[in-house]
Amino acid sequence: MTRCLVSVFFFMVALTLSGPLGAQGLFQDGHSALLGTPENPVEVGVGIKIDQITSVDQKAENYGAVVVLRFEWSDPALAFDPDELGRDFRVFDPPAFVRHAAALDAVVPAFVIHNQQSNRWVHESAAALRHDGHVTFVEKSSLTLQAPHFNFLRFPFDTQEFHFEVVSVFPSDFVHYYALDQFSGLGDTLGEEEWILGNARMLASTTTGLSGNESDQVSLVFQGKRHLTYYVIRVFLPMLVLVLVGWALFFLDEYRKRIDIAGANLLVFVAFNWAISADLPKLGYLTFLDFILQCMFLMTGALVVFNVMLRRLKVSGREDTARKLDNYAIKWIYPLGYAAIVGYAVWAFLMQS
């Protein structure tokens, strides 16, 4: 009698239908009753294995993935006689399994991917039923997922955290999730060149589900670090050259030439700033690289003003004073100023954050 009160719910998977509706894997009908009971909740194992990372869009704060989802649970109502059937397993496509379970008044747990942003395009999916009622559901699909945990304060030395969150539709009193660690993690060939991805782990927790109550959640969490060789060659090495060019200006006797070259350096720093900001969202805080660039921009602007001042001293007949200030700047102000900027940036952004 109790089992008759439990209605069958549907997996959020593609059912081999054509068009966007099938690709979304939307729920069907049959939501009128609860799944399981508080005294005997359905124990569902969840595995999340990411085979590919198709993209990482740090400006939109999301990433694309090809993932294999695995769900396992047991329900005696689904058991059958292997001798009568002639084999120990039955294999269904998702809609056929739902119909079979509905005919037996059996429970089929439902799930959502909490941080999903796009359609979930299912490549393959199947449900295997063992004679004792143990069910294994496997789905391979591709989708885009939100990455709200990105923090660019240490950019480009930042370590970002990626999440893949699977949440039960039903409250924790009725469906309980546990992690299938042996079927979870990252693939060996993710196809992502910009990031070094690793430290994958499964986390079980609870969150507010679709019902408004606490629902079980299992998440695959992994971290990504940038390939620093790209930034050393494309960003930091050119910046070092510009700093050395600015320092070399002090060895020119002609102040007008100094002003022209320093002005050109200002334009280069503006171009650097635009190129870097194009890859990041419009942040409300400075990153490590932003701080370095803005300080270099200010130093180069001050260099222009300083050389204009030296030019004015020379024209007014105070060339000796101009040379003393010039010599002082070469030996102390310029090199120590940049050392202080870099030292503070490392301490404030890399060591304190």
Protein backbone atom coordinates (compact mmCIF):
# COMPACT_ATOMS: atom_id res chain seq x y z
CA MET A 1 0.00 0.00 0.00
CA THR A 2 2.85 2.36 0.88
CA ARG A 3 4.59 1.79 -2.42
CA CYS A 4 1.41 2.58 -4.29
CA LEU A 5 1.55 6.06 -2.82
CA VAL A 6 5.03 6.68 -4.30
CA SER A 7 4.88 8.09 -7.82
CA VAL A 8 7.59 7.64 -10.39
CA PHE A 9 9.82 10.57 -11.26
CA PHE A 10 12.04 10.94 -14.28
CA PHE A 11 15.76 11.46 -14.78
CA MET A 12 16.76 14.83 -16.13
CA VAL A 13 18.30 13.31 -19.24
CA ALA A 14 17.84 13.40 -22.99
CA LEU A 15 15.45 10.70 -24.12
CA THR A 16 16.65 10.42 -27.71
CA LEU A 17 14.02 12.91 -28.82
CA SER A 18 14.90 15.42 -31.53
CA GLY A 19 15.05 19.16 -30.92
CA PRO A 20 15.85 21.24 -27.82
CA LEU A 21 13.23 19.61 -25.60
CA GLY A 22 14.85 16.19 -25.87
CA ALA A 23 18.31 17.66 -25.45
CA GLN A 24 17.31 19.33 -22.19
CA GLY A 25 16.12 16.07 -20.62
CA LEU A 26 13.11 17.79 -19.01
CA PHE A 27 10.93 16.08 -16.42
CA GLN A 28 7.80 14.36 -17.56
CA ASP A 29 4.53 13.99 -15.61
CA GLY A 30 4.04 12.25 -12.26
CA HIS A 31 5.10 14.68 -9.51
CA SER A 32 2.19 14.19 -7.16
CA ALA A 33 3.84 12.07 -4.43
CA LEU A 34 7.07 11.91 -2.45
CA LEU A 35 9.93 9.59 -3.29
CA GLY A 36 11.04 7.19 -0.50
CA THR A 37 10.24 7.68 3.16
CA PRO A 38 12.03 9.41 6.05
CA GLU A 39 12.34 6.04 7.73
CA ASN A 40 13.94 4.44 4.68
CA PRO A 41 15.36 7.02 2.24
CA VAL A 42 16.65 5.91 -1.13
CA GLU A 43 20.46 5.59 -1.04
CA VAL A 44 21.84 6.82 -4.37
CA GLY A 45 25.53 6.70 -5.31
CA VAL A 46 26.72 9.49 -7.62
CA GLY A 47 29.83 9.46 -9.79
CA ILE A 48 31.07 12.45 -11.84
CA LYS A 49 33.89 11.91 -14.33
CA ILE A 50 34.95 14.81 -16.58
CA ASP A 51 36.47 13.49 -19.81
CA GLN A 52 37.08 16.83 -21.54
CA ILE A 53 37.21 20.54 -20.77
CA THR A 54 35.96 22.16 -23.97
CA SER A 55 36.47 25.79 -22.88
CA VAL A 56 37.20 28.06 -19.93
CA ASP A 57 35.65 31.52 -20.32
CA GLN A 58 37.01 33.51 -17.41
CA LYS A 59 35.28 36.70 -18.56
CA ALA A 60 31.86 34.99 -18.40
CA GLU A 61 33.03 32.90 -15.41
CA ASN A 62 31.97 29.54 -16.82
CA TYR A 63 33.48 26.45 -18.43
CA GLY A 64 32.40 23.76 -20.86
CA ALA A 65 32.79 20.06 -20.16
CA VAL A 66 32.09 16.58 -21.48
CA VAL A 67 31.08 14.52 -18.47
CA VAL A 68 30.08 10.96 -17.59
CA LEU A 69 27.45 10.82 -14.82
CA ARG A 70 26.82 7.57 -12.98
CA PHE A 71 23.97 6.83 -10.55
CA GLU A 72 23.55 3.60 -8.58
CA TRP A 73 20.78 2.50 -6.24
CA SER A 74 18.91 -0.65 -5.26
CA ASP A 75 15.18 -1.26 -5.21
CA PRO A 76 13.80 -4.76 -4.47
CA ALA A 77 10.66 -3.89 -6.41
CA LEU A 78 12.75 -4.03 -9.59
CA ALA A 79 14.15 -7.52 -8.92
CA PHE A 80 13.40 -10.29 -11.42
CA ASP A 81 14.04 -14.03 -11.84
CA PRO A 82 17.26 -14.45 -13.85
CA ASP A 83 16.42 -18.07 -14.66
CA GLU A 84 13.13 -17.04 -16.21
CA LEU A 85 14.75 -14.28 -18.23
CA GLY A 86 17.87 -16.27 -19.10
CA ARG A 87 20.39 -13.64 -17.98
CA ASP A 88 21.33 -11.60 -14.89
CA PHE A 89 20.96 -8.12 -16.39
CA ARG A 90 18.45 -6.11 -18.34
CA VAL A 91 19.51 -2.97 -20.22
CA PHE A 92 17.08 -0.13 -20.98
CA ASP A 93 17.20 3.22 -22.62
CA PRO A 94 15.96 5.89 -20.15
CA PRO A 95 12.32 6.16 -21.31
CA ALA A 96 11.93 2.37 -21.42
CA PHE A 97 13.36 2.06 -17.91
CA VAL A 98 10.97 4.72 -16.60
CA ARG A 99 8.02 2.85 -18.08
CA HIS A 100 9.25 -0.44 -16.62
CA ALA A 101 9.72 1.10 -13.16
CA ALA A 102 6.31 2.78 -13.33
CA ALA A 103 4.63 -0.52 -14.08
CA LEU A 104 6.18 -1.94 -10.89
CA ASP A 105 5.45 1.12 -8.72
CA ALA A 106 9.21 1.50 -8.23
CA VAL A 107 11.15 4.62 -7.32
CA VAL A 108 13.25 6.42 -9.94
CA PRO A 109 15.20 9.29 -8.27
CA ALA A 110 15.57 12.59 -10.14
CA PHE A 111 18.43 15.11 -10.17
CA VAL A 112 19.46 18.51 -11.46
CA ILE A 113 22.89 19.93 -12.21
CA HIS A 114 22.91 22.93 -9.91
CA ASN A 115 25.42 25.14 -11.77
CA GLN A 116 24.33 24.23 -15.30
CA GLN A 117 24.11 27.26 -17.63
CA SER A 118 23.41 25.78 -21.07
CA ASN A 119 21.46 22.95 -22.63
CA ARG A 120 22.77 19.53 -21.66
CA TRP A 121 23.34 17.62 -24.88
CA VAL A 122 23.30 13.90 -24.16
CA HIS A 123 25.60 11.74 -26.26
CA GLU A 124 24.79 8.34 -24.78
CA SER A 125 22.67 7.12 -21.86
CA ALA A 126 21.50 3.75 -20.56
CA ALA A 127 20.14 2.05 -17.43
CA ALA A 128 21.30 -1.44 -16.42
CA LEU A 129 19.08 -3.44 -14.05
CA ARG A 130 20.56 -6.39 -12.14
CA HIS A 131 18.36 -9.32 -11.12
CA ASP A 132 18.44 -8.28 -7.44
CA GLY A 133 17.05 -4.81 -8.21
CA HIS A 134 20.35 -2.91 -8.34
CA VAL A 135 20.23 -0.11 -10.95
CA THR A 136 23.18 1.55 -12.68
CA PHE A 137 22.40 4.58 -14.81
CA VAL A 138 25.16 6.09 -16.98
CA GLU A 139 25.01 9.22 -19.11
CA LYS A 140 27.65 10.96 -21.21
CA SER A 141 26.79 14.56 -22.05
CA SER A 142 28.26 18.00 -22.79
CA LEU A 143 27.23 21.30 -21.22
CA THR A 144 28.40 24.68 -19.92
CA LEU A 145 28.69 25.21 -16.17
CA GLN A 146 28.86 28.30 -14.02
CA ALA A 147 32.11 28.95 -12.13
CA PRO A 148 31.16 31.55 -9.50
CA HIS A 149 34.14 30.74 -7.28
CA PHE A 150 36.65 32.42 -9.61
CA ASN A 151 38.80 35.04 -7.86
CA PHE A 152 41.34 36.97 -9.92
CA LEU A 153 43.09 38.89 -7.12
CA ARG A 154 46.38 37.02 -7.70
CA PHE A 155 46.11 37.01 -11.52
CA PRO A 156 48.09 35.56 -13.30
CA PHE A 157 49.39 33.58 -10.29
CA ASP A 158 45.84 32.67 -9.24
CA THR A 159 44.49 29.20 -8.54
CA GLN A 160 40.85 28.86 -9.55
CA GLU A 161 38.27 26.38 -8.25
CA PHE A 162 35.86 24.58 -10.58
CA HIS A 163 32.67 22.84 -9.45
CA PHE A 164 30.29 20.30 -10.98
CA GLU A 165 27.26 20.10 -8.66
CA VAL A 166 24.58 17.40 -8.82
CA VAL A 167 21.57 17.99 -6.55
CA SER A 168 18.67 15.71 -5.74
CA VAL A 169 15.24 17.03 -6.68
CA PHE A 170 13.84 15.50 -3.51
CA PRO A 171 14.54 16.52 0.11
CA SER A 172 17.27 14.73 2.03
CA ASP A 173 14.67 12.92 4.14
CA PHE A 174 13.60 10.95 1.08
CA VAL A 175 16.73 10.63 -1.09
CA HIS A 176 20.27 10.43 0.23
CA TYR A 177 23.35 10.90 -1.99
CA TYR A 178 26.81 9.47 -1.44
CA ALA A 179 29.88 9.80 -3.66
CA LEU A 180 31.17 7.06 -5.96
CA ASP A 181 34.83 8.05 -5.73
CA GLN A 182 36.01 5.17 -7.91
CA PHE A 183 33.92 6.48 -10.82
CA SER A 184 34.76 10.15 -10.35
CA GLY A 185 37.55 12.59 -11.19
CA LEU A 186 39.25 14.05 -14.25
CA GLY A 187 40.21 12.26 -17.45
CA ASP A 188 43.79 11.85 -18.64
CA THR A 189 43.34 13.94 -21.82
CA LEU A 190 41.19 16.93 -20.96
CA GLY A 191 42.21 18.90 -24.06
CA GLU A 192 42.75 22.15 -22.13
CA GLU A 193 46.03 23.91 -22.91
CA GLU A 194 45.73 27.14 -20.96
CA TRP A 195 45.18 25.58 -17.54
CA ILE A 196 46.86 22.91 -15.43
CA LEU A 197 43.93 21.08 -13.84
CA GLY A 198 44.08 18.68 -10.91
CA ASN A 199 43.38 18.08 -7.22
CA ALA A 200 39.95 16.62 -8.03
CA ARG A 201 37.81 15.49 -5.11
CA MET A 202 34.20 14.59 -4.42
CA LEU A 203 32.29 16.50 -1.74
CA ALA A 204 28.92 15.52 -0.28
CA SER A 205 26.77 18.25 1.26
CA THR A 206 23.24 19.63 1.36
CA THR A 207 21.71 22.67 -0.29
CA THR A 208 18.31 24.20 -0.85
CA GLY A 209 16.68 22.13 -3.59
CA LEU A 210 13.86 22.74 -6.01
CA SER A 211 11.35 21.84 -3.31
CA GLY A 212 12.61 24.65 -1.08
CA ASN A 213 13.85 22.10 1.48
CA GLU A 214 17.32 20.77 2.15
CA SER A 215 18.40 18.34 -0.59
CA ASP A 216 21.52 16.23 -0.89
CA GLN A 217 24.28 17.43 -3.19
CA VAL A 218 27.40 15.74 -4.54
CA SER A 219 30.04 17.94 -6.17
CA LEU A 220 33.19 17.25 -8.14
CA VAL A 221 35.60 20.03 -7.16
CA PHE A 222 38.94 20.55 -8.91
CA GLN A 223 41.51 23.31 -9.21
CA GLY A 224 43.23 25.01 -12.13
CA LYS A 225 46.51 26.90 -12.39
CA ARG A 226 47.72 28.86 -15.40
CA HIS A 227 50.70 27.98 -17.56
CA LEU A 228 52.99 30.80 -16.42
CA THR A 229 55.36 30.46 -19.39
CA TYR A 230 52.82 32.30 -21.56
CA TYR A 231 52.63 35.26 -19.17
CA VAL A 232 56.40 35.37 -18.65
CA ILE A 233 57.05 35.57 -22.39
CA ARG A 234 54.06 37.66 -23.49
CA VAL A 235 53.61 40.01 -20.52
CA PHE A 236 56.41 40.14 -17.96
CA LEU A 237 59.34 40.04 -20.39
CA PRO A 238 58.00 42.98 -22.50
CA MET A 239 57.28 44.88 -19.27
CA LEU A 240 60.87 44.32 -18.13
CA VAL A 241 62.16 45.62 -21.47
CA LEU A 242 60.02 48.77 -21.12
CA VAL A 243 61.35 49.35 -17.60
CA LEU A 244 64.94 48.99 -18.84
CA VAL A 245 64.23 51.37 -21.72
CA GLY A 246 62.88 53.89 -19.22
CA TRP A 247 66.03 53.53 -17.12
CA ALA A 248 68.27 53.86 -20.19
CA LEU A 249 66.68 57.26 -20.92
CA PHE A 250 68.69 58.75 -18.07
CA PHE A 251 71.88 58.16 -20.03
CA LEU A 252 70.74 60.45 -22.86
CA ASP A 253 71.99 64.02 -22.61
CA GLU A 254 69.19 65.41 -24.77
CA TYR A 255 66.10 65.88 -22.57
CA ARG A 256 63.77 66.32 -25.55
CA LYS A 257 64.60 62.82 -26.79
CA ARG A 258 63.92 61.46 -23.33
CA ILE A 259 60.46 63.05 -23.31
CA ASP A 260 59.60 61.58 -26.73
CA ILE A 261 60.64 58.05 -25.77
CA ALA A 262 58.90 58.17 -22.38
CA GLY A 263 55.71 59.36 -24.09
CA ALA A 264 55.85 56.38 -26.45
CA ASN A 265 56.23 54.07 -23.43
CA LEU A 266 53.03 55.52 -21.97
CA LEU A 267 51.11 54.45 -25.07
CA VAL A 268 52.53 50.92 -24.81
CA PHE A 269 51.35 50.63 -21.21
CA VAL A 270 47.86 51.74 -22.25
CA ALA A 271 47.83 49.00 -24.90
CA PHE A 272 48.98 46.44 -22.31
CA ASN A 273 46.18 47.43 -19.95
CA TRP A 274 43.51 47.07 -22.65
CA ALA A 275 44.84 43.70 -23.81
CA ILE A 276 44.82 42.22 -20.31
CA SER A 277 41.45 43.65 -19.27
CA ALA A 278 39.85 42.12 -22.40
CA ASP A 279 40.34 38.63 -20.92
CA LEU A 280 38.84 39.41 -17.51
CA PRO A 281 35.39 40.48 -16.28
CA LYS A 282 34.89 44.06 -15.13
CA LEU A 283 36.20 43.51 -11.63
CA GLY A 284 35.58 45.71 -8.63
CA TYR A 285 39.13 45.19 -7.36
CA LEU A 286 42.73 45.36 -8.59
CA THR A 287 44.56 42.20 -9.54
CA PHE A 288 48.28 41.65 -9.03
CA LEU A 289 49.00 42.41 -12.68
CA ASP A 290 46.69 45.44 -12.67
CA PHE A 291 48.61 46.92 -9.75
CA ILE A 292 51.98 46.40 -11.44
CA LEU A 293 50.76 47.89 -14.72
CA GLN A 294 49.15 50.94 -13.13
CA CYS A 295 52.26 51.65 -11.07
CA MET A 296 54.44 51.32 -14.17
CA PHE A 297 52.08 53.67 -15.98
CA LEU A 298 52.40 56.23 -13.17
CA MET A 299 56.18 55.83 -13.05
CA THR A 300 56.45 56.39 -16.78
CA GLY A 301 54.21 59.45 -16.54
CA ALA A 302 56.38 60.77 -13.70
CA LEU A 303 59.41 60.14 -15.91
CA VAL A 304 57.97 62.43 -18.57
CA VAL A 305 57.28 65.16 -15.98
CA PHE A 306 60.76 64.72 -14.47
CA ASN A 307 62.50 65.16 -17.81
CA VAL A 308 60.38 68.21 -18.62
CA MET A 309 61.51 69.68 -15.29
CA LEU A 310 65.17 68.91 -16.11
CA ARG A 311 64.74 70.55 -19.49
CA ARG A 312 63.34 73.69 -17.83
CA LEU A 313 66.28 73.80 -15.38
CA LYS A 314 68.76 73.55 -18.24
CA VAL A 315 67.06 76.30 -20.25
CA SER A 316 67.00 78.57 -17.19
CA GLY A 317 70.76 78.20 -16.76
CA ARG A 318 70.69 75.74 -13.84
CA GLU A 319 72.24 72.83 -15.70
CA ASP A 320 74.39 71.76 -12.75
CA THR A 321 71.32 71.30 -10.59
CA ALA A 322 69.65 69.35 -13.40
CA ARG A 323 72.62 67.00 -13.68
CA LYS A 324 72.69 66.37 -9.91
CA LEU A 325 69.01 65.49 -9.88
CA ASP A 326 69.50 63.33 -12.97
CA ASN A 327 72.37 61.42 -11.38
CA TYR A 328 70.36 60.92 -8.18
CA ALA A 329 67.44 59.54 -10.16
CA ILE A 330 69.67 57.11 -12.09
CA LYS A 331 71.26 55.64 -8.96
CA TRP A 332 68.41 55.60 -6.48
CA ILE A 333 64.91 56.82 -7.34
CA TYR A 334 64.16 54.79 -10.48
CA PRO A 335 65.56 51.35 -9.50
CA LEU A 336 64.49 51.51 -5.85
CA GLY A 337 61.04 52.77 -6.85
CA TYR A 338 60.41 49.74 -9.04
CA ALA A 339 61.84 47.38 -6.42
CA ALA A 340 59.43 48.84 -3.86
CA ILE A 341 56.46 48.47 -6.24
CA VAL A 342 57.19 44.82 -7.02
CA GLY A 343 57.97 44.01 -3.39
CA TYR A 344 54.72 45.54 -2.13
CA ALA A 345 52.70 43.81 -4.88
CA VAL A 346 54.14 40.40 -3.98
CA TRP A 347 53.48 40.97 -0.28
CA ALA A 348 49.96 42.43 -0.62
CA PHE A 349 48.57 40.27 -3.43
CA LEU A 350 50.47 36.98 -3.37
CA MET A 351 51.41 36.51 0.27
CA GLN A 352 48.43 38.07 2.08
CA SER A 353 45.56 36.82 -0.11
